Amino acid sequence: MTALLHYAWLKGMRDRSLPVFFAIAPIQIAAMIIGFAVIKRQVRYPLAALNFDEGDIAAITILLPSFVATLSAFWTFRSEVATRAINSFVMGSRPLAVVASLVVFGFATAMAGVAALIATAVILTATVPAAVASMAFTAAVASVAGASLGALYVTISPQPGMLVWTFVAGIPLVPFIFDPANRAELLTVGTVISLVAIGIATVLLRRRCAS
């Protein structure tokens, strides 16, 4: 798995996809904080800290990390799956190790972005956001679930359009995610989704390489 993660790192740096995925979260929070300061006409350092409502927290700790993790896990080995070069990976490692590498890489990318998001908020506002530990834990669960789904999607089809349809299909779930009363259930569902997606992705990858 170490070799696969090293390959994923080198490829992400070479095609510049990794810096892009990493930058999504901090750019998002910086835009929110600066935009809030401009609207309030309080553009002076330190900028005013945002008073996040439950919807903002859901977007930051669930939607954003899972989105980044899904993109990262899907995109990293997309070309290898499309050209069947992934067969050489499976010959050197078990399909489960390849899928697990994608999940770990997607998770790490998303969580690095979350860490950069928190650091950006601290730098701009000179205050530490409340409940950082809880937000980080929720983001971690969401990142694992997102990365697992990304690995599943790429084993189903490496075409980028696959992501479009899956994100569209997830739109009806947004109100459920934004409801704070469902937070505990979301963590449980995220764990179950991760295990199921990893299992299915492993089976599909094995079949893809055998065909």
N, C-alpha and C. Protein backbone atom coordinates (compact mmCIF):
# COMPACT_ATOMS: atom_id res chain seq x y z
N MET A 1 0.82 -1.20 0.00
CA MET A 1 0.00 0.00 0.00
C MET A 1 0.86 1.26 0.00
N THR A 2 2.02 1.18 0.67
CA THR A 2 2.91 2.34 0.71
C THR A 2 3.35 2.77 -0.68
N ALA A 3 3.67 1.79 -1.52
CA ALA A 3 4.08 2.09 -2.89
C ALA A 3 2.94 2.74 -3.68
N LEU A 4 1.72 2.24 -3.48
CA LEU A 4 0.57 2.81 -4.17
C LEU A 4 0.31 4.25 -3.72
N LEU A 5 0.42 4.49 -2.43
CA LEU A 5 0.22 5.85 -1.92
C LEU A 5 1.31 6.79 -2.43
N HIS A 6 2.53 6.29 -2.51
CA HIS A 6 3.62 7.11 -3.05
C HIS A 6 3.37 7.44 -4.52
N TYR A 7 2.90 6.45 -5.27
CA TYR A 7 2.57 6.68 -6.68
C TYR A 7 1.45 7.71 -6.80
N ALA A 8 0.41 7.58 -5.96
CA ALA A 8 -0.71 8.52 -6.00
C ALA A 8 -0.24 9.93 -5.69
N TRP A 9 0.66 10.07 -4.71
CA TRP A 9 1.21 11.37 -4.35
C TRP A 9 1.97 11.98 -5.52
N LEU A 10 2.86 11.20 -6.13
CA LEU A 10 3.67 11.70 -7.24
C LEU A 10 2.79 12.08 -8.43
N LYS A 11 1.80 11.25 -8.71
CA LYS A 11 0.91 11.55 -9.84
C LYS A 11 0.09 12.81 -9.57
N GLY A 12 -0.42 12.94 -8.34
CA GLY A 12 -1.20 14.12 -8.01
C GLY A 12 -0.40 15.40 -8.09
N MET A 13 0.86 15.34 -7.71
CA MET A 13 1.71 16.52 -7.81
C MET A 13 2.09 16.81 -9.25
N ARG A 14 2.27 15.75 -10.03
CA ARG A 14 2.68 15.94 -11.42
C ARG A 14 1.56 16.56 -12.26
N ASP A 15 0.33 16.07 -12.09
CA ASP A 15 -0.77 16.63 -12.89
C ASP A 15 -1.48 17.79 -12.20
N ARG A 16 -0.96 18.22 -11.04
CA ARG A 16 -1.45 19.37 -10.29
C ARG A 16 -2.85 19.17 -9.71
N SER A 17 -3.35 17.95 -9.74
CA SER A 17 -4.69 17.73 -9.18
C SER A 17 -4.67 17.78 -7.65
N LEU A 18 -3.61 17.29 -7.04
CA LEU A 18 -3.54 17.27 -5.57
C LEU A 18 -3.55 18.67 -4.97
N PRO A 19 -2.75 19.62 -5.48
CA PRO A 19 -2.84 20.99 -4.93
C PRO A 19 -4.23 21.61 -5.11
N VAL A 20 -4.88 21.28 -6.22
CA VAL A 20 -6.23 21.82 -6.47
C VAL A 20 -7.21 21.28 -5.44
N PHE A 21 -7.19 19.96 -5.22
CA PHE A 21 -8.10 19.37 -4.24
C PHE A 21 -7.81 19.93 -2.84
N PHE A 22 -6.54 20.08 -2.52
CA PHE A 22 -6.15 20.59 -1.21
C PHE A 22 -6.63 22.02 -0.99
N ALA A 23 -6.65 22.82 -2.04
CA ALA A 23 -6.96 24.24 -1.91
C ALA A 23 -8.46 24.54 -1.85
N ILE A 24 -9.30 23.57 -2.19
CA ILE A 24 -10.75 23.84 -2.26
C ILE A 24 -11.29 24.32 -0.92
N ALA A 25 -10.98 23.61 0.17
CA ALA A 25 -11.55 23.96 1.48
C ALA A 25 -11.06 25.30 2.00
N PRO A 26 -9.73 25.57 2.02
CA PRO A 26 -9.29 26.88 2.55
C PRO A 26 -9.78 28.05 1.70
N ILE A 27 -9.86 27.87 0.39
CA ILE A 27 -10.37 28.95 -0.46
C ILE A 27 -11.84 29.22 -0.14
N GLN A 28 -12.60 28.15 0.10
CA GLN A 28 -14.02 28.29 0.41
C GLN A 28 -14.22 29.09 1.71
N ILE A 29 -13.48 28.73 2.76
CA ILE A 29 -13.67 29.43 4.03
C ILE A 29 -13.15 30.86 3.95
N ALA A 30 -12.07 31.08 3.21
CA ALA A 30 -11.54 32.44 3.06
C ALA A 30 -12.56 33.32 2.32
N ALA A 31 -13.19 32.75 1.30
CA ALA A 31 -14.20 33.52 0.56
C ALA A 31 -15.39 33.86 1.46
N MET A 32 -15.79 32.91 2.32
CA MET A 32 -16.91 33.17 3.23
C MET A 32 -16.57 34.27 4.24
N ILE A 33 -15.39 34.19 4.83
CA ILE A 33 -15.00 35.17 5.86
C ILE A 33 -14.80 36.55 5.26
N ILE A 34 -14.09 36.61 4.13
CA ILE A 34 -13.84 37.91 3.49
C ILE A 34 -15.14 38.50 2.95
N GLY A 35 -15.97 37.66 2.37
CA GLY A 35 -17.25 38.15 1.86
C GLY A 35 -18.12 38.70 2.97
N PHE A 36 -18.13 38.02 4.13
CA PHE A 36 -18.89 38.49 5.28
C PHE A 36 -18.36 39.84 5.75
N ALA A 37 -17.03 39.99 5.77
CA ALA A 37 -16.43 41.25 6.21
C ALA A 37 -16.77 42.39 5.25
N VAL A 38 -16.76 42.10 3.95
CA VAL A 38 -17.10 43.13 2.97
C VAL A 38 -18.55 43.56 3.11
N ILE A 39 -19.44 42.59 3.28
CA ILE A 39 -20.87 42.90 3.42
C ILE A 39 -21.11 43.76 4.67
N LYS A 40 -20.41 43.43 5.75
CA LYS A 40 -20.58 44.17 7.00
C LYS A 40 -19.73 45.45 7.03
N ARG A 41 -18.95 45.67 5.97
CA ARG A 41 -18.06 46.83 5.88
C ARG A 41 -17.11 46.90 7.08
N GLN A 42 -16.57 45.75 7.39
CA GLN A 42 -15.62 45.63 8.50
C GLN A 42 -14.32 45.00 8.00
N VAL A 43 -13.80 45.55 6.91
CA VAL A 43 -12.59 44.99 6.30
C VAL A 43 -11.37 45.54 7.03
N ARG A 44 -11.09 44.98 8.15
CA ARG A 44 -9.89 45.32 8.92
C ARG A 44 -9.45 44.08 9.69
N TYR A 45 -8.15 43.97 9.90
CA TYR A 45 -7.63 42.78 10.55
C TYR A 45 -7.63 42.94 12.08
N PRO A 46 -8.04 41.90 12.81
CA PRO A 46 -8.55 40.62 12.30
C PRO A 46 -9.99 40.75 11.82
N LEU A 47 -10.31 39.97 10.81
CA LEU A 47 -11.67 40.00 10.28
C LEU A 47 -12.63 39.39 11.30
N ALA A 48 -13.87 39.80 11.20
CA ALA A 48 -14.88 39.30 12.14
C ALA A 48 -15.08 37.81 11.95
N ALA A 49 -15.12 37.07 13.06
CA ALA A 49 -15.36 35.63 13.00
C ALA A 49 -16.81 35.37 12.61
N LEU A 50 -17.01 34.35 11.79
CA LEU A 50 -18.36 34.02 11.37
C LEU A 50 -19.11 33.30 12.49
N ASN A 51 -20.37 33.63 12.62
CA ASN A 51 -21.24 32.91 13.54
C ASN A 51 -21.96 31.82 12.73
N PHE A 52 -21.33 30.65 12.67
CA PHE A 52 -21.87 29.58 11.84
C PHE A 52 -23.17 29.06 12.39
N ASP A 53 -24.17 28.93 11.50
CA ASP A 53 -25.39 28.24 11.90
C ASP A 53 -25.21 26.76 11.57
N GLU A 54 -26.23 25.96 11.85
CA GLU A 54 -26.11 24.51 11.66
C GLU A 54 -25.88 24.16 10.19
N GLY A 55 -26.47 24.93 9.29
CA GLY A 55 -26.27 24.67 7.87
C GLY A 55 -24.83 24.89 7.45
N ASP A 56 -24.23 25.97 7.96
CA ASP A 56 -22.83 26.25 7.64
C ASP A 56 -21.92 25.14 8.17
N ILE A 57 -22.19 24.70 9.40
CA ILE A 57 -21.37 23.64 9.99
C ILE A 57 -21.51 22.34 9.21
N ALA A 58 -22.73 22.03 8.76
CA ALA A 58 -22.94 20.83 7.96
C ALA A 58 -22.17 20.92 6.64
N ALA A 59 -22.20 22.11 6.03
CA ALA A 59 -21.50 22.29 4.76
C ALA A 59 -19.99 22.14 4.94
N ILE A 60 -19.47 22.67 6.04
CA ILE A 60 -18.02 22.65 6.27
C ILE A 60 -17.53 21.28 6.72
N THR A 61 -18.28 20.61 7.59
CA THR A 61 -17.80 19.37 8.18
C THR A 61 -18.27 18.11 7.46
N ILE A 62 -19.29 18.20 6.61
CA ILE A 62 -19.81 17.01 5.94
C ILE A 62 -19.71 17.14 4.42
N LEU A 63 -20.38 18.14 3.86
CA LEU A 63 -20.45 18.24 2.40
C LEU A 63 -19.09 18.53 1.78
N LEU A 64 -18.38 19.51 2.32
CA LEU A 64 -17.11 19.91 1.72
C LEU A 64 -16.05 18.81 1.80
N PRO A 65 -15.79 18.22 2.98
CA PRO A 65 -14.79 17.15 3.03
C PRO A 65 -15.16 15.93 2.20
N SER A 66 -16.43 15.54 2.23
CA SER A 66 -16.84 14.37 1.44
C SER A 66 -16.72 14.64 -0.05
N PHE A 67 -17.00 15.86 -0.47
CA PHE A 67 -16.86 16.25 -1.87
C PHE A 67 -15.41 16.16 -2.32
N VAL A 68 -14.51 16.72 -1.52
CA VAL A 68 -13.08 16.69 -1.86
C VAL A 68 -12.55 15.26 -1.85
N ALA A 69 -12.94 14.48 -0.85
CA ALA A 69 -12.48 13.10 -0.76
C ALA A 69 -12.97 12.27 -1.94
N THR A 70 -14.22 12.48 -2.34
CA THR A 70 -14.76 11.76 -3.49
C THR A 70 -14.00 12.10 -4.76
N LEU A 71 -13.76 13.39 -4.99
CA LEU A 71 -13.01 13.81 -6.16
C LEU A 71 -11.61 13.21 -6.18
N SER A 72 -10.93 13.28 -5.04
CA SER A 72 -9.56 12.78 -4.97
C SER A 72 -9.49 11.28 -5.22
N ALA A 73 -10.34 10.51 -4.55
CA ALA A 73 -10.32 9.06 -4.71
C ALA A 73 -10.72 8.65 -6.13
N PHE A 74 -11.66 9.36 -6.71
CA PHE A 74 -12.09 9.04 -8.07
C PHE A 74 -11.01 9.38 -9.09
N TRP A 75 -10.42 10.55 -8.96
CA TRP A 75 -9.53 11.06 -10.00
C TRP A 75 -8.14 10.42 -9.98
N THR A 76 -7.67 9.99 -8.82
CA THR A 76 -6.28 9.57 -8.68
C THR A 76 -5.90 8.43 -9.63
N PHE A 77 -6.70 7.37 -9.67
CA PHE A 77 -6.40 6.23 -10.54
C PHE A 77 -7.38 6.13 -11.71
N ARG A 78 -8.05 7.25 -12.03
CA ARG A 78 -9.05 7.21 -13.09
C ARG A 78 -8.45 6.78 -14.42
N SER A 79 -7.33 7.39 -14.80
CA SER A 79 -6.71 7.06 -16.10
C SER A 79 -6.20 5.62 -16.11
N GLU A 80 -5.71 5.12 -14.96
CA GLU A 80 -5.24 3.74 -14.90
C GLU A 80 -6.38 2.75 -15.08
N VAL A 81 -7.55 3.08 -14.52
CA VAL A 81 -8.71 2.21 -14.70
C VAL A 81 -9.18 2.28 -16.15
N ALA A 82 -9.19 3.47 -16.73
CA ALA A 82 -9.68 3.64 -18.10
C ALA A 82 -8.79 2.90 -19.11
N THR A 83 -7.48 2.91 -18.89
CA THR A 83 -6.54 2.27 -19.82
C THR A 83 -6.19 0.85 -19.42
N ARG A 84 -6.80 0.35 -18.35
CA ARG A 84 -6.54 -0.99 -17.81
C ARG A 84 -5.13 -1.15 -17.28
N ALA A 85 -4.42 -0.04 -17.10
CA ALA A 85 -3.10 -0.12 -16.46
C ALA A 85 -3.23 -0.52 -15.00
N ILE A 86 -4.45 -0.41 -14.47
CA ILE A 86 -4.71 -0.80 -13.09
C ILE A 86 -4.43 -2.29 -12.88
N ASN A 87 -4.47 -3.07 -14.00
CA ASN A 87 -4.19 -4.51 -13.90
C ASN A 87 -2.82 -4.77 -13.30
N SER A 88 -1.84 -3.93 -13.65
CA SER A 88 -0.49 -4.12 -13.12
C SER A 88 -0.45 -3.86 -11.62
N PHE A 89 -1.30 -2.94 -11.13
CA PHE A 89 -1.38 -2.68 -9.70
C PHE A 89 -1.91 -3.91 -8.96
N VAL A 90 -2.98 -4.50 -9.55
CA VAL A 90 -3.62 -5.65 -8.92
C VAL A 90 -2.70 -6.86 -8.94
N MET A 91 -1.86 -6.98 -9.98
CA MET A 91 -0.91 -8.08 -10.04
C MET A 91 0.12 -7.97 -8.90
N GLY A 92 0.47 -6.72 -8.54
CA GLY A 92 1.44 -6.51 -7.47
C GLY A 92 0.82 -6.42 -6.10
N SER A 93 -0.47 -6.12 -6.04
CA SER A 93 -1.17 -5.98 -4.76
C SER A 93 -2.57 -6.56 -4.90
N ARG A 94 -3.18 -6.90 -3.79
CA ARG A 94 -4.54 -7.39 -3.83
C ARG A 94 -5.50 -6.24 -4.17
N PRO A 95 -6.63 -6.56 -4.80
CA PRO A 95 -7.60 -5.50 -5.12
C PRO A 95 -8.00 -4.68 -3.90
N LEU A 96 -8.13 -5.34 -2.75
CA LEU A 96 -8.51 -4.61 -1.53
C LEU A 96 -7.46 -3.57 -1.18
N ALA A 97 -6.17 -3.89 -1.39
CA ALA A 97 -5.11 -2.94 -1.08
C ALA A 97 -5.17 -1.74 -2.01
N VAL A 98 -5.52 -1.97 -3.28
CA VAL A 98 -5.64 -0.86 -4.23
C VAL A 98 -6.79 0.05 -3.83
N VAL A 99 -7.94 -0.55 -3.51
CA VAL A 99 -9.10 0.24 -3.09
C VAL A 99 -8.80 0.98 -1.79
N ALA A 100 -8.17 0.28 -0.85
CA ALA A 100 -7.85 0.91 0.43
C ALA A 100 -6.88 2.08 0.23
N SER A 101 -5.97 1.96 -0.72
CA SER A 101 -5.04 3.05 -1.01
C SER A 101 -5.79 4.28 -1.51
N LEU A 102 -6.77 4.06 -2.37
CA LEU A 102 -7.58 5.18 -2.86
C LEU A 102 -8.34 5.84 -1.72
N VAL A 103 -8.90 5.03 -0.83
CA VAL A 103 -9.66 5.57 0.30
C VAL A 103 -8.75 6.37 1.22
N VAL A 104 -7.59 5.82 1.54
CA VAL A 104 -6.66 6.52 2.42
C VAL A 104 -6.18 7.81 1.78
N PHE A 105 -5.88 7.76 0.49
CA PHE A 105 -5.39 8.97 -0.19
C PHE A 105 -6.47 10.04 -0.26
N GLY A 106 -7.70 9.63 -0.59
CA GLY A 106 -8.80 10.60 -0.63
C GLY A 106 -9.08 11.18 0.74
N PHE A 107 -9.05 10.33 1.77
CA PHE A 107 -9.25 10.79 3.15
C PHE A 107 -8.16 11.78 3.56
N ALA A 108 -6.91 11.44 3.28
CA ALA A 108 -5.80 12.31 3.66
C ALA A 108 -5.87 13.66 2.95
N THR A 109 -6.24 13.63 1.68
CA THR A 109 -6.36 14.88 0.93
C THR A 109 -7.44 15.78 1.53
N ALA A 110 -8.60 15.18 1.83
CA ALA A 110 -9.70 15.96 2.39
C ALA A 110 -9.36 16.51 3.77
N MET A 111 -8.74 15.69 4.62
CA MET A 111 -8.43 16.14 5.98
C MET A 111 -7.31 17.18 5.98
N ALA A 112 -6.38 17.07 5.04
CA ALA A 112 -5.37 18.13 4.91
C ALA A 112 -6.04 19.44 4.54
N GLY A 113 -7.06 19.35 3.69
CA GLY A 113 -7.83 20.54 3.33
C GLY A 113 -8.59 21.11 4.52
N VAL A 114 -9.14 20.22 5.36
CA VAL A 114 -9.86 20.67 6.56
C VAL A 114 -8.90 21.37 7.51
N ALA A 115 -7.70 20.80 7.67
CA ALA A 115 -6.70 21.43 8.54
C ALA A 115 -6.32 22.81 8.00
N ALA A 116 -6.17 22.91 6.68
CA ALA A 116 -5.85 24.21 6.07
C ALA A 116 -7.02 25.17 6.22
N LEU A 117 -8.25 24.64 6.16
CA LEU A 117 -9.45 25.47 6.36
C LEU A 117 -9.44 26.08 7.76
N ILE A 118 -9.18 25.25 8.77
CA ILE A 118 -9.16 25.75 10.15
C ILE A 118 -8.04 26.77 10.33
N ALA A 119 -6.87 26.46 9.78
CA ALA A 119 -5.74 27.39 9.89
C ALA A 119 -6.05 28.71 9.20
N THR A 120 -6.71 28.66 8.06
CA THR A 120 -7.09 29.88 7.35
C THR A 120 -8.04 30.72 8.19
N ALA A 121 -9.03 30.06 8.80
CA ALA A 121 -9.99 30.77 9.64
C ALA A 121 -9.30 31.41 10.84
N VAL A 122 -8.35 30.70 11.43
CA VAL A 122 -7.62 31.23 12.60
C VAL A 122 -6.77 32.44 12.18
N ILE A 123 -6.10 32.33 11.04
CA ILE A 123 -5.24 33.43 10.57
C ILE A 123 -6.06 34.68 10.26
N LEU A 124 -7.20 34.49 9.59
CA LEU A 124 -7.99 35.65 9.16
C LEU A 124 -8.74 36.30 10.31
N THR A 125 -9.17 35.50 11.29
CA THR A 125 -10.00 36.05 12.36
C THR A 125 -9.28 36.16 13.70
N ALA A 126 -8.09 35.58 13.79
CA ALA A 126 -7.31 35.59 15.04
C ALA A 126 -8.07 34.94 16.18
N THR A 127 -8.99 34.02 15.85
CA THR A 127 -9.72 33.27 16.87
C THR A 127 -9.83 31.82 16.42
N VAL A 128 -9.90 30.93 17.39
CA VAL A 128 -10.04 29.50 17.09
C VAL A 128 -11.53 29.17 17.03
N PRO A 129 -12.02 28.56 15.94
CA PRO A 129 -13.44 28.23 15.86
C PRO A 129 -13.86 27.32 17.00
N ALA A 130 -15.09 27.50 17.45
CA ALA A 130 -15.61 26.68 18.54
C ALA A 130 -15.82 25.24 18.07
N ALA A 131 -15.68 24.31 19.00
CA ALA A 131 -15.93 22.88 18.75
C ALA A 131 -15.09 22.35 17.59
N VAL A 132 -13.81 22.70 17.59
CA VAL A 132 -12.92 22.25 16.51
C VAL A 132 -12.80 20.73 16.50
N ALA A 133 -12.67 20.13 17.67
CA ALA A 133 -12.49 18.67 17.76
C ALA A 133 -13.71 17.95 17.20
N SER A 134 -14.91 18.41 17.55
CA SER A 134 -16.13 17.79 17.04
C SER A 134 -16.24 17.95 15.54
N MET A 135 -15.91 19.14 15.04
CA MET A 135 -15.95 19.38 13.60
C MET A 135 -14.95 18.48 12.87
N ALA A 136 -13.76 18.32 13.44
CA ALA A 136 -12.74 17.50 12.80
C ALA A 136 -13.16 16.03 12.76
N PHE A 137 -13.79 15.54 13.84
CA PHE A 137 -14.25 14.15 13.87
C PHE A 137 -15.32 13.91 12.81
N THR A 138 -16.29 14.83 12.75
CA THR A 138 -17.35 14.70 11.75
C THR A 138 -16.77 14.75 10.34
N ALA A 139 -15.83 15.66 10.13
CA ALA A 139 -15.18 15.76 8.81
C ALA A 139 -14.43 14.49 8.47
N ALA A 140 -13.82 13.85 9.46
CA ALA A 140 -13.07 12.61 9.22
C ALA A 140 -14.01 11.50 8.75
N VAL A 141 -15.14 11.35 9.43
CA VAL A 141 -16.11 10.33 9.03
C VAL A 141 -16.64 10.61 7.63
N ALA A 142 -16.96 11.88 7.35
CA ALA A 142 -17.45 12.26 6.03
C ALA A 142 -16.39 12.03 4.96
N SER A 143 -15.13 12.27 5.29
CA SER A 143 -14.05 12.09 4.33
C SER A 143 -13.86 10.62 3.98
N VAL A 144 -13.93 9.75 4.98
CA VAL A 144 -13.80 8.31 4.71
C VAL A 144 -14.96 7.83 3.83
N ALA A 145 -16.18 8.29 4.14
CA ALA A 145 -17.34 7.91 3.34
C ALA A 145 -17.21 8.43 1.91
N GLY A 146 -16.79 9.70 1.77
CA GLY A 146 -16.62 10.26 0.44
C GLY A 146 -15.55 9.56 -0.36
N ALA A 147 -14.42 9.25 0.27
CA ALA A 147 -13.33 8.56 -0.42
C ALA A 147 -13.76 7.15 -0.82
N SER A 148 -14.51 6.48 0.04
CA SER A 148 -15.00 5.13 -0.29
C SER A 148 -15.93 5.17 -1.49
N LEU A 149 -16.81 6.18 -1.53
CA LEU A 149 -17.70 6.31 -2.68
C LEU A 149 -16.92 6.66 -3.95
N GLY A 150 -15.89 7.50 -3.81
CA GLY A 150 -15.07 7.83 -4.97
C GLY A 150 -14.39 6.60 -5.55
N ALA A 151 -13.87 5.74 -4.67
CA ALA A 151 -13.26 4.49 -5.12
C ALA A 151 -14.28 3.59 -5.79
N LEU A 152 -15.49 3.57 -5.24
CA LEU A 152 -16.55 2.76 -5.85
C LEU A 152 -16.92 3.29 -7.23
N TYR A 153 -17.08 4.60 -7.34
CA TYR A 153 -17.50 5.19 -8.61
C TYR A 153 -16.49 4.91 -9.72
N VAL A 154 -15.19 5.01 -9.41
CA VAL A 154 -14.19 4.84 -10.46
C VAL A 154 -14.11 3.38 -10.90
N THR A 155 -14.45 2.45 -10.01
CA THR A 155 -14.46 1.05 -10.42
C THR A 155 -15.70 0.72 -11.24
N ILE A 156 -16.76 1.50 -11.07
CA ILE A 156 -17.95 1.32 -11.90
C ILE A 156 -17.71 1.89 -13.28
N SER A 157 -17.23 3.14 -13.34
CA SER A 157 -16.92 3.79 -14.60
C SER A 157 -15.92 4.91 -14.36
N PRO A 158 -14.83 4.94 -15.14
CA PRO A 158 -13.83 5.99 -14.95
C PRO A 158 -14.18 7.30 -15.67
N GLN A 159 -15.33 7.34 -16.31
CA GLN A 159 -15.72 8.56 -17.01
C GLN A 159 -16.13 9.65 -16.03
N PRO A 160 -15.63 10.90 -16.21
CA PRO A 160 -15.97 11.98 -15.29
C PRO A 160 -17.46 12.22 -15.13
N GLY A 161 -18.23 11.90 -16.17
CA GLY A 161 -19.67 12.08 -16.09
C GLY A 161 -20.30 11.26 -14.99
N MET A 162 -19.61 10.21 -14.56
CA MET A 162 -20.10 9.37 -13.46
C MET A 162 -20.28 10.20 -12.21
N LEU A 163 -19.35 11.11 -11.95
CA LEU A 163 -19.43 11.95 -10.77
C LEU A 163 -20.62 12.90 -10.83
N VAL A 164 -20.89 13.42 -12.02
CA VAL A 164 -21.98 14.39 -12.18
C VAL A 164 -23.30 13.74 -11.75
N TRP A 165 -23.54 12.54 -12.28
CA TRP A 165 -24.80 11.87 -11.98
C TRP A 165 -24.91 11.50 -10.51
N THR A 166 -23.81 11.08 -9.91
CA THR A 166 -23.87 10.71 -8.49
C THR A 166 -24.10 11.92 -7.60
N PHE A 167 -23.49 13.06 -7.94
CA PHE A 167 -23.72 14.26 -7.15
C PHE A 167 -25.16 14.75 -7.31
N VAL A 168 -25.69 14.64 -8.52
CA VAL A 168 -27.09 15.03 -8.76
C VAL A 168 -28.03 14.12 -7.96
N ALA A 169 -27.70 12.82 -7.94
CA ALA A 169 -28.54 11.87 -7.21
C ALA A 169 -28.52 12.13 -5.71
N GLY A 170 -27.44 12.76 -5.22
CA GLY A 170 -27.33 13.03 -3.80
C GLY A 170 -28.02 14.31 -3.35
N ILE A 171 -28.50 15.11 -4.29
CA ILE A 171 -29.15 16.38 -3.93
C ILE A 171 -30.34 16.19 -2.98
N PRO A 172 -31.21 15.18 -3.19
CA PRO A 172 -32.33 15.01 -2.26
C PRO A 172 -31.90 14.76 -0.81
N LEU A 173 -30.65 14.34 -0.58
CA LEU A 173 -30.19 14.07 0.77
C LEU A 173 -29.71 15.32 1.50
N VAL A 174 -29.56 16.43 0.78
CA VAL A 174 -29.01 17.65 1.39
C VAL A 174 -29.83 18.14 2.58
N PRO A 175 -31.18 18.22 2.48
CA PRO A 175 -31.95 18.67 3.65
C PRO A 175 -31.73 17.76 4.87
N PHE A 176 -31.60 16.46 4.64
CA PHE A 176 -31.36 15.52 5.74
C PHE A 176 -30.00 15.78 6.38
N ILE A 177 -28.99 16.10 5.56
CA ILE A 177 -27.65 16.38 6.06
C ILE A 177 -27.63 17.67 6.87
N PHE A 178 -28.38 18.66 6.42
CA PHE A 178 -28.36 19.98 7.06
C PHE A 178 -29.15 20.00 8.37
N ASP A 179 -29.95 18.98 8.63
CA ASP A 179 -30.74 18.94 9.86
C ASP A 179 -29.85 18.46 11.00
N PRO A 180 -29.57 19.33 12.01
CA PRO A 180 -28.67 18.93 13.10
C PRO A 180 -29.19 17.76 13.92
N ALA A 181 -30.49 17.52 13.89
CA ALA A 181 -31.05 16.40 14.64
C ALA A 181 -30.62 15.06 14.08
N ASN A 182 -30.13 15.06 12.83
CA ASN A 182 -29.75 13.80 12.18
C ASN A 182 -28.24 13.56 12.24
N ARG A 183 -27.49 14.36 13.01
CA ARG A 183 -26.04 14.28 12.99
C ARG A 183 -25.53 12.91 13.44
N ALA A 184 -26.10 12.36 14.52
CA ALA A 184 -25.66 11.05 15.00
C ALA A 184 -25.96 9.96 13.97
N GLU A 185 -27.14 10.03 13.36
CA GLU A 185 -27.49 9.05 12.34
C GLU A 185 -26.57 9.16 11.13
N LEU A 186 -26.18 10.38 10.80
CA LEU A 186 -25.29 10.58 9.65
C LEU A 186 -23.94 9.91 9.88
N LEU A 187 -23.42 9.99 11.10
CA LEU A 187 -22.14 9.35 11.40
C LEU A 187 -22.25 7.84 11.24
N THR A 188 -23.38 7.27 11.70
CA THR A 188 -23.58 5.83 11.56
C THR A 188 -23.73 5.45 10.09
N VAL A 189 -24.52 6.22 9.37
CA VAL A 189 -24.72 5.95 7.94
C VAL A 189 -23.40 6.08 7.18
N GLY A 190 -22.60 7.08 7.53
CA GLY A 190 -21.31 7.27 6.87
C GLY A 190 -20.39 6.08 7.06
N THR A 191 -20.39 5.51 8.27
CA THR A 191 -19.57 4.33 8.54
C THR A 191 -20.03 3.13 7.72
N VAL A 192 -21.35 2.92 7.68
CA VAL A 192 -21.90 1.80 6.92
C VAL A 192 -21.62 1.97 5.43
N ILE A 193 -21.80 3.18 4.92
CA ILE A 193 -21.53 3.45 3.51
C ILE A 193 -20.08 3.14 3.17
N SER A 194 -19.18 3.52 4.06
CA SER A 194 -17.75 3.27 3.81
C SER A 194 -17.47 1.79 3.66
N LEU A 195 -17.98 0.98 4.59
CA LEU A 195 -17.72 -0.46 4.56
C LEU A 195 -18.33 -1.11 3.32
N VAL A 196 -19.57 -0.74 3.01
CA VAL A 196 -20.25 -1.33 1.85
C VAL A 196 -19.56 -0.91 0.55
N ALA A 197 -19.23 0.37 0.43
CA ALA A 197 -18.60 0.86 -0.80
C ALA A 197 -17.24 0.21 -1.03
N ILE A 198 -16.45 0.06 0.05
CA ILE A 198 -15.13 -0.58 -0.09
C ILE A 198 -15.29 -2.03 -0.54
N GLY A 199 -16.25 -2.73 0.04
CA GLY A 199 -16.47 -4.12 -0.34
C GLY A 199 -16.88 -4.27 -1.80
N ILE A 200 -17.84 -3.44 -2.23
CA ILE A 200 -18.31 -3.52 -3.62
C ILE A 200 -17.21 -3.10 -4.58
N ALA A 201 -16.47 -2.04 -4.25
CA ALA A 201 -15.39 -1.58 -5.12
C ALA A 201 -14.32 -2.65 -5.29
N THR A 202 -14.02 -3.38 -4.22
CA THR A 202 -13.03 -4.45 -4.31
C THR A 202 -13.48 -5.55 -5.26
N VAL A 203 -14.74 -5.94 -5.17
CA VAL A 203 -15.29 -6.97 -6.05
C VAL A 203 -15.28 -6.50 -7.50
N LEU A 204 -15.71 -5.26 -7.74
CA LEU A 204 -15.76 -4.73 -9.10
C LEU A 204 -14.36 -4.60 -9.70
N LEU A 205 -13.39 -4.18 -8.89
CA LEU A 205 -12.02 -4.05 -9.39
C LEU A 205 -11.46 -5.42 -9.75
N ARG A 206 -11.73 -6.42 -8.94
CA ARG A 206 -11.27 -7.77 -9.23
C ARG A 206 -11.87 -8.26 -10.54
N ARG A 207 -13.17 -8.02 -10.73
CA ARG A 207 -13.82 -8.45 -11.98
C ARG A 207 -13.32 -7.67 -13.17
N ARG A 208 -13.08 -6.38 -12.99
CA ARG A 208 -12.59 -5.54 -14.10
C ARG A 208 -11.23 -6.04 -14.57
N CYS A 209 -10.38 -6.40 -13.64
CA CYS A 209 -9.03 -6.85 -13.99
C CYS A 209 -9.04 -8.26 -14.56
N ALA A 210 -10.05 -9.04 -14.20
CA ALA A 210 -10.12 -10.42 -14.69
C ALA A 210 -10.73 -10.51 -16.09
N SER A 211 -11.46 -9.46 -16.49
CA SER A 211 -12.12 -9.50 -17.79
C SER A 211 -11.17 -9.13 -18.93
